[in-house]
Amino acid sequence: MEIRSLTARAQNAERRVINFQNQLAQSEEKLTVANQKTAAADNKWDARVKEYESRLKVAEEKIKRERQGGKERASDLEKELKSLQRQLEVANKRTSTLNEIIDNAGLSTRGSPGSGK
């Protein structure tokens, strides 16, 4: 009787081992599937990150070019402003010189020379 009991216990233990092995195999298969899904998701995220990095680099370069263009435009405008200021100074000097010549010649800008000022 003891042999039967031990045999039954051994058979039960073997069945439990087989069940655990089956559960382990199923768990390993689920883990493999999950790892594959995770790898696919990781690849998608990696591609997204690379795409956004590329877009960011393009945007940064565009901003850099625009900033440089703005600096050049500001420099050109400053040069033009200085040129116009010099032209204004020259025009003011000419006006002043002409007014002095008129005053020295006895002519008045307010009336004719013989009007008795």
C-alpha atoms as a PDB file:
ATOM      1  CA  MET A   1       0.000   0.000   0.000  1.00  0.00           C
ATOM      2  CA  GLU A   2       2.810   2.348   0.767  1.00  0.00           C
ATOM      3  CA  ILE A   3       4.264   1.898  -2.706  1.00  0.00           C
ATOM      4  CA  ARG A   4       0.942   2.839  -4.277  1.00  0.00           C
ATOM      5  CA  SER A   5       0.731   5.910  -2.116  1.00  0.00           C
ATOM      6  CA  LEU A   6       4.270   6.898  -2.982  1.00  0.00           C
ATOM      7  CA  THR A   7       3.652   6.174  -6.661  1.00  0.00           C
ATOM      8  CA  ALA A   8       0.491   8.298  -6.592  1.00  0.00           C
ATOM      9  CA  ARG A   9       2.353  11.086  -4.863  1.00  0.00           C
ATOM     10  CA  ALA A  10       5.159  10.843  -7.417  1.00  0.00           C
ATOM     11  CA  GLN A  11       2.657  10.927 -10.271  1.00  0.00           C
ATOM     12  CA  ASN A  12       0.946  13.955  -8.715  1.00  0.00           C
ATOM     13  CA  ALA A  13       4.309  15.644  -8.313  1.00  0.00           C
ATOM     14  CA  GLU A  14       5.182  14.857 -11.946  1.00  0.00           C
ATOM     15  CA  ARG A  15       1.829  16.295 -13.098  1.00  0.00           C
ATOM     16  CA  ARG A  16       2.469  19.400 -11.041  1.00  0.00           C
ATOM     17  CA  VAL A  17       5.955  19.693 -12.549  1.00  0.00           C
ATOM     18  CA  ILE A  18       4.463  19.339 -16.033  1.00  0.00           C
ATOM     19  CA  ASN A  19       1.800  21.959 -15.191  1.00  0.00           C
ATOM     20  CA  PHE A  20       4.460  24.331 -13.866  1.00  0.00           C
ATOM     21  CA  GLN A  21       6.595  23.730 -16.949  1.00  0.00           C
ATOM     22  CA  ASN A  22       3.580  24.476 -19.152  1.00  0.00           C
ATOM     23  CA  GLN A  23       2.863  27.637 -17.153  1.00  0.00           C
ATOM     24  CA  LEU A  24       6.521  28.595 -17.433  1.00  0.00           C
ATOM     25  CA  ALA A  25       6.469  28.038 -21.199  1.00  0.00           C
ATOM     26  CA  GLN A  26       3.281  30.115 -21.514  1.00  0.00           C
ATOM     27  CA  SER A  27       4.777  32.861 -19.370  1.00  0.00           C
ATOM     28  CA  GLU A  28       7.961  32.831 -21.434  1.00  0.00           C
ATOM     29  CA  GLU A  29       5.893  33.033 -24.628  1.00  0.00           C
ATOM     30  CA  LYS A  30       3.887  35.952 -23.213  1.00  0.00           C
ATOM     31  CA  LEU A  31       7.135  37.613 -22.200  1.00  0.00           C
ATOM     32  CA  THR A  32       8.554  37.126 -25.697  1.00  0.00           C
ATOM     33  CA  VAL A  33       5.415  38.624 -27.267  1.00  0.00           C
ATOM     34  CA  ALA A  34       5.495  41.515 -24.790  1.00  0.00           C
ATOM     35  CA  ASN A  35       9.190  42.105 -25.542  1.00  0.00           C
ATOM     36  CA  GLN A  36       8.457  42.129 -29.273  1.00  0.00           C
ATOM     37  CA  LYS A  37       5.644  44.648 -28.780  1.00  0.00           C
ATOM     38  CA  THR A  38       7.865  46.735 -26.547  1.00  0.00           C
ATOM     39  CA  ALA A  39      10.678  46.603 -29.097  1.00  0.00           C
ATOM     40  CA  ALA A  40       8.285  47.705 -31.837  1.00  0.00           C
ATOM     41  CA  ALA A  41       7.002  50.534 -29.651  1.00  0.00           C
ATOM     42  CA  ASP A  42      10.575  51.513 -28.770  1.00  0.00           C
ATOM     43  CA  ASN A  43      11.463  51.598 -32.458  1.00  0.00           C
ATOM     44  CA  LYS A  44       8.477  53.836 -33.154  1.00  0.00           C
ATOM     45  CA  TRP A  45       9.474  56.164 -30.316  1.00  0.00           C
ATOM     46  CA  ASP A  46      13.077  56.193 -31.501  1.00  0.00           C
ATOM     47  CA  ALA A  47      11.884  57.142 -34.981  1.00  0.00           C
ATOM     48  CA  ARG A  48       9.689  59.891 -33.518  1.00  0.00           C
ATOM     49  CA  VAL A  49      12.530  61.239 -31.415  1.00  0.00           C
ATOM     50  CA  LYS A  50      14.857  61.277 -34.430  1.00  0.00           C
ATOM     51  CA  GLU A  51      12.187  63.023 -36.511  1.00  0.00           C
ATOM     52  CA  TYR A  52      11.634  65.670 -33.831  1.00  0.00           C
ATOM     53  CA  GLU A  53      15.379  66.127 -33.389  1.00  0.00           C
ATOM     54  CA  SER A  54      15.678  66.622 -37.137  1.00  0.00           C
ATOM     55  CA  ARG A  55      12.824  69.136 -37.151  1.00  0.00           C
ATOM     56  CA  LEU A  56      14.357  70.955 -34.201  1.00  0.00           C
ATOM     57  CA  LYS A  57      17.729  71.159 -35.941  1.00  0.00           C
ATOM     58  CA  VAL A  58      16.107  72.544 -39.096  1.00  0.00           C
ATOM     59  CA  ALA A  59      14.152  75.092 -37.039  1.00  0.00           C
ATOM     60  CA  GLU A  60      17.276  76.134 -35.119  1.00  0.00           C
ATOM     61  CA  GLU A  61      19.193  76.599 -38.368  1.00  0.00           C
ATOM     62  CA  LYS A  62      16.321  78.632 -39.813  1.00  0.00           C
ATOM     63  CA  ILE A  63      16.237  80.856 -36.735  1.00  0.00           C
ATOM     64  CA  LYS A  64      20.011  81.242 -36.907  1.00  0.00           C
ATOM     65  CA  ARG A  65      19.809  82.285 -40.573  1.00  0.00           C
ATOM     66  CA  GLU A  66      16.939  84.676 -39.857  1.00  0.00           C
ATOM     67  CA  ARG A  67      18.804  86.179 -36.907  1.00  0.00           C
ATOM     68  CA  GLN A  68      21.926  86.647 -39.028  1.00  0.00           C
ATOM     69  CA  GLY A  69      19.816  88.167 -41.800  1.00  0.00           C
ATOM     70  CA  GLY A  70      18.224  90.488 -39.260  1.00  0.00           C
ATOM     71  CA  LYS A  71      21.628  91.573 -37.992  1.00  0.00           C
ATOM     72  CA  GLU A  72      22.789  92.233 -41.536  1.00  0.00           C
ATOM     73  CA  ARG A  73      19.597  94.163 -42.307  1.00  0.00           C
ATOM     74  CA  ALA A  74      20.003  96.219 -39.114  1.00  0.00           C
ATOM     75  CA  SER A  75      23.622  96.946 -40.032  1.00  0.00           C
ATOM     76  CA  ASP A  76      22.578  98.035 -43.528  1.00  0.00           C
ATOM     77  CA  LEU A  77      19.865 100.271 -42.092  1.00  0.00           C
ATOM     78  CA  GLU A  78      22.325 101.814 -39.623  1.00  0.00           C
ATOM     79  CA  LYS A  79      24.727 102.557 -42.482  1.00  0.00           C
ATOM     80  CA  GLU A  80      21.901 104.090 -44.486  1.00  0.00           C
ATOM     81  CA  LEU A  81      20.837 106.174 -41.471  1.00  0.00           C
ATOM     82  CA  LYS A  82      24.393 107.472 -40.990  1.00  0.00           C
ATOM     83  CA  SER A  83      24.592 108.313 -44.680  1.00  0.00           C
ATOM     84  CA  LEU A  84      21.293 110.191 -44.523  1.00  0.00           C
ATOM     85  CA  GLN A  85      22.437 112.030 -41.383  1.00  0.00           C
ATOM     86  CA  ARG A  86      25.624 113.106 -43.179  1.00  0.00           C
ATOM     87  CA  GLN A  87      23.554 114.262 -46.156  1.00  0.00           C
ATOM     88  CA  LEU A  88      21.312 116.225 -43.786  1.00  0.00           C
ATOM     89  CA  GLU A  89      24.341 117.829 -42.133  1.00  0.00           C
ATOM     90  CA  VAL A  90      25.730 118.810 -45.543  1.00  0.00           C
ATOM     91  CA  ALA A  91      22.345 120.232 -46.572  1.00  0.00           C
ATOM     92  CA  ASN A  92      22.086 122.186 -43.299  1.00  0.00           C
ATOM     93  CA  LYS A  93      25.611 123.574 -43.792  1.00  0.00           C
ATOM     94  CA  ARG A  94      24.715 124.636 -47.337  1.00  0.00           C
ATOM     95  CA  THR A  95      21.540 126.294 -46.101  1.00  0.00           C
ATOM     96  CA  SER A  96      23.499 128.070 -43.375  1.00  0.00           C
ATOM     97  CA  THR A  97      26.160 129.181 -45.862  1.00  0.00           C
ATOM     98  CA  LEU A  98      23.520 130.453 -48.283  1.00  0.00           C
ATOM     99  CA  ASN A  99      21.777 132.370 -45.486  1.00  0.00           C
ATOM    100  CA  GLU A 100      25.109 133.955 -44.502  1.00  0.00           C
ATOM    101  CA  ILE A 101      25.785 134.926 -48.123  1.00  0.00           C
ATOM    102  CA  ILE A 102      22.311 136.441 -48.397  1.00  0.00           C
ATOM    103  CA  ASP A 103      22.746 138.357 -45.129  1.00  0.00           C
ATOM    104  CA  ASN A 104      26.208 139.588 -46.157  1.00  0.00           C
ATOM    105  CA  ALA A 105      24.937 140.691 -49.541  1.00  0.00           C
ATOM    106  CA  GLY A 106      22.308 142.813 -47.850  1.00  0.00           C
ATOM    107  CA  LEU A 107      19.462 140.745 -49.108  1.00  0.00           C
ATOM    108  CA  SER A 108      16.738 139.707 -46.772  1.00  0.00           C
ATOM    109  CA  THR A 109      14.784 136.548 -46.953  1.00  0.00           C
ATOM    110  CA  ARG A 110      11.763 138.520 -45.654  1.00  0.00           C
ATOM    111  CA  GLY A 111      11.517 141.111 -48.340  1.00  0.00           C
ATOM    112  CA  SER A 112      13.184 142.923 -51.182  1.00  0.00           C
ATOM    113  CA  PRO A 113      16.422 144.917 -50.637  1.00  0.00           C
ATOM    114  CA  GLY A 114      14.812 148.321 -50.993  1.00  0.00           C
ATOM    115  CA  SER A 115      11.753 147.739 -48.831  1.00  0.00           C
ATOM    116  CA  GLY A 116      13.332 149.426 -45.812  1.00  0.00           C
ATOM    117  CA  LYS A 117      13.539 146.437 -43.586  1.00  0.00           C
END
